Amino acid sequence: MRSEIPITIMNWINKNKDKVESYHLEDDGYSDHENSPYAIWLYLKNDWFNPMTELTCIHAATVRQFMDDVKYLEIKDEV
């Protein structure tokens, strides 16, 4: 299991602190199908979500998967 978050993901997190509530690496089996040494969970702050998945978190097994998910983030519409 990888113990550090990849630099590309950390750079994105550091540049987008307004969107990020928390994050962590986990060996949860999700990464097995991608032959990856980690799975990253990133939880978004209340106003943010991914409209493609309709979720307020990102669960990715690769840097590419993570970067694909974060490019769609939007602020939730006020109700």
Protein backbone atom coordinates (compact mmCIF):
# COMPACT_ATOMS: atom_id res chain seq x y z
CA MET A 1 0.00 0.00 0.00
CA ARG A 2 1.26 3.42 -0.91
CA SER A 3 1.72 5.65 2.14
CA GLU A 4 1.79 9.05 0.43
CA ILE A 5 -0.70 10.75 -1.83
CA PRO A 6 0.70 11.20 -5.36
CA ILE A 7 2.20 14.66 -5.99
CA THR A 8 -0.25 15.49 -8.80
CA ILE A 9 -3.20 14.91 -6.47
CA MET A 10 -1.54 16.81 -3.60
CA ASN A 11 -0.89 19.76 -5.93
CA TRP A 12 -4.57 19.81 -6.90
CA ILE A 13 -5.65 19.62 -3.24
CA ASN A 14 -3.30 22.45 -2.25
CA LYS A 15 -4.63 24.66 -5.06
CA ASN A 16 -8.29 23.86 -4.25
CA LYS A 17 -8.54 24.07 -0.47
CA ASP A 18 -11.83 25.93 -0.86
CA LYS A 19 -13.37 22.70 -2.18
CA VAL A 20 -11.72 20.09 0.08
CA GLU A 21 -13.09 19.01 3.45
CA SER A 22 -10.75 16.03 3.98
CA TYR A 23 -8.94 13.22 2.19
CA HIS A 24 -7.12 9.96 2.88
CA LEU A 25 -5.60 6.89 1.26
CA GLU A 26 -7.14 3.51 1.89
CA ASP A 27 -6.50 -0.09 0.95
CA ASP A 28 -10.16 -0.94 0.39
CA GLY A 29 -9.90 -3.29 -2.57
CA TYR A 30 -11.23 -0.64 -4.97
CA SER A 31 -7.79 -0.16 -6.49
CA ASP A 32 -7.30 -3.87 -7.21
CA HIS A 33 -9.04 -3.73 -10.60
CA GLU A 34 -6.77 -0.83 -11.61
CA ASN A 35 -3.59 -2.56 -10.37
CA SER A 36 -3.00 0.48 -8.20
CA PRO A 37 -1.29 0.59 -4.79
CA TYR A 38 -3.93 2.88 -3.25
CA ALA A 39 -7.43 4.26 -3.39
CA ILE A 40 -7.94 7.89 -2.46
CA TRP A 41 -11.04 9.31 -0.84
CA LEU A 42 -11.59 13.06 -1.10
CA TYR A 43 -14.56 14.62 0.67
CA LEU A 44 -15.83 17.94 -0.66
CA LYS A 45 -16.98 20.91 1.36
CA ASN A 46 -20.75 21.35 1.66
CA ASP A 47 -21.30 23.55 -1.40
CA TRP A 48 -19.37 21.34 -3.83
CA PHE A 49 -20.34 18.17 -5.71
CA ASN A 50 -19.69 16.27 -8.93
CA PRO A 51 -22.82 16.52 -11.12
CA MET A 52 -21.66 13.53 -13.20
CA THR A 53 -21.80 11.22 -10.17
CA GLU A 54 -24.13 13.35 -8.00
CA LEU A 55 -21.73 12.79 -5.10
CA THR A 56 -19.94 15.04 -2.63
CA CYS A 57 -16.89 12.79 -2.54
CA ILE A 58 -14.39 11.32 -4.96
CA HIS A 59 -13.17 7.74 -4.72
CA ALA A 60 -10.36 7.10 -7.19
CA ALA A 61 -7.77 4.37 -7.74
CA THR A 62 -5.47 6.30 -10.09
CA VAL A 63 -4.27 9.85 -10.61
CA ARG A 64 -6.01 9.92 -14.00
CA GLN A 65 -9.29 8.78 -12.47
CA PHE A 66 -8.99 11.44 -9.76
CA MET A 67 -8.19 14.23 -12.23
CA ASP A 68 -11.07 13.16 -14.49
CA ASP A 69 -13.50 13.41 -11.56
CA VAL A 70 -12.35 16.78 -10.20
CA LYS A 71 -12.68 18.57 -13.53
CA TYR A 72 -16.48 18.35 -13.23
CA LEU A 73 -16.86 19.83 -9.73
CA GLU A 74 -19.53 22.49 -9.33
CA ILE A 75 -21.15 24.49 -6.57
CA LYS A 76 -24.62 23.22 -5.66
CA ASP A 77 -27.49 25.47 -6.67
CA GLU A 78 -29.25 27.26 -3.85
CA VAL A 79 -32.70 25.83 -3.17
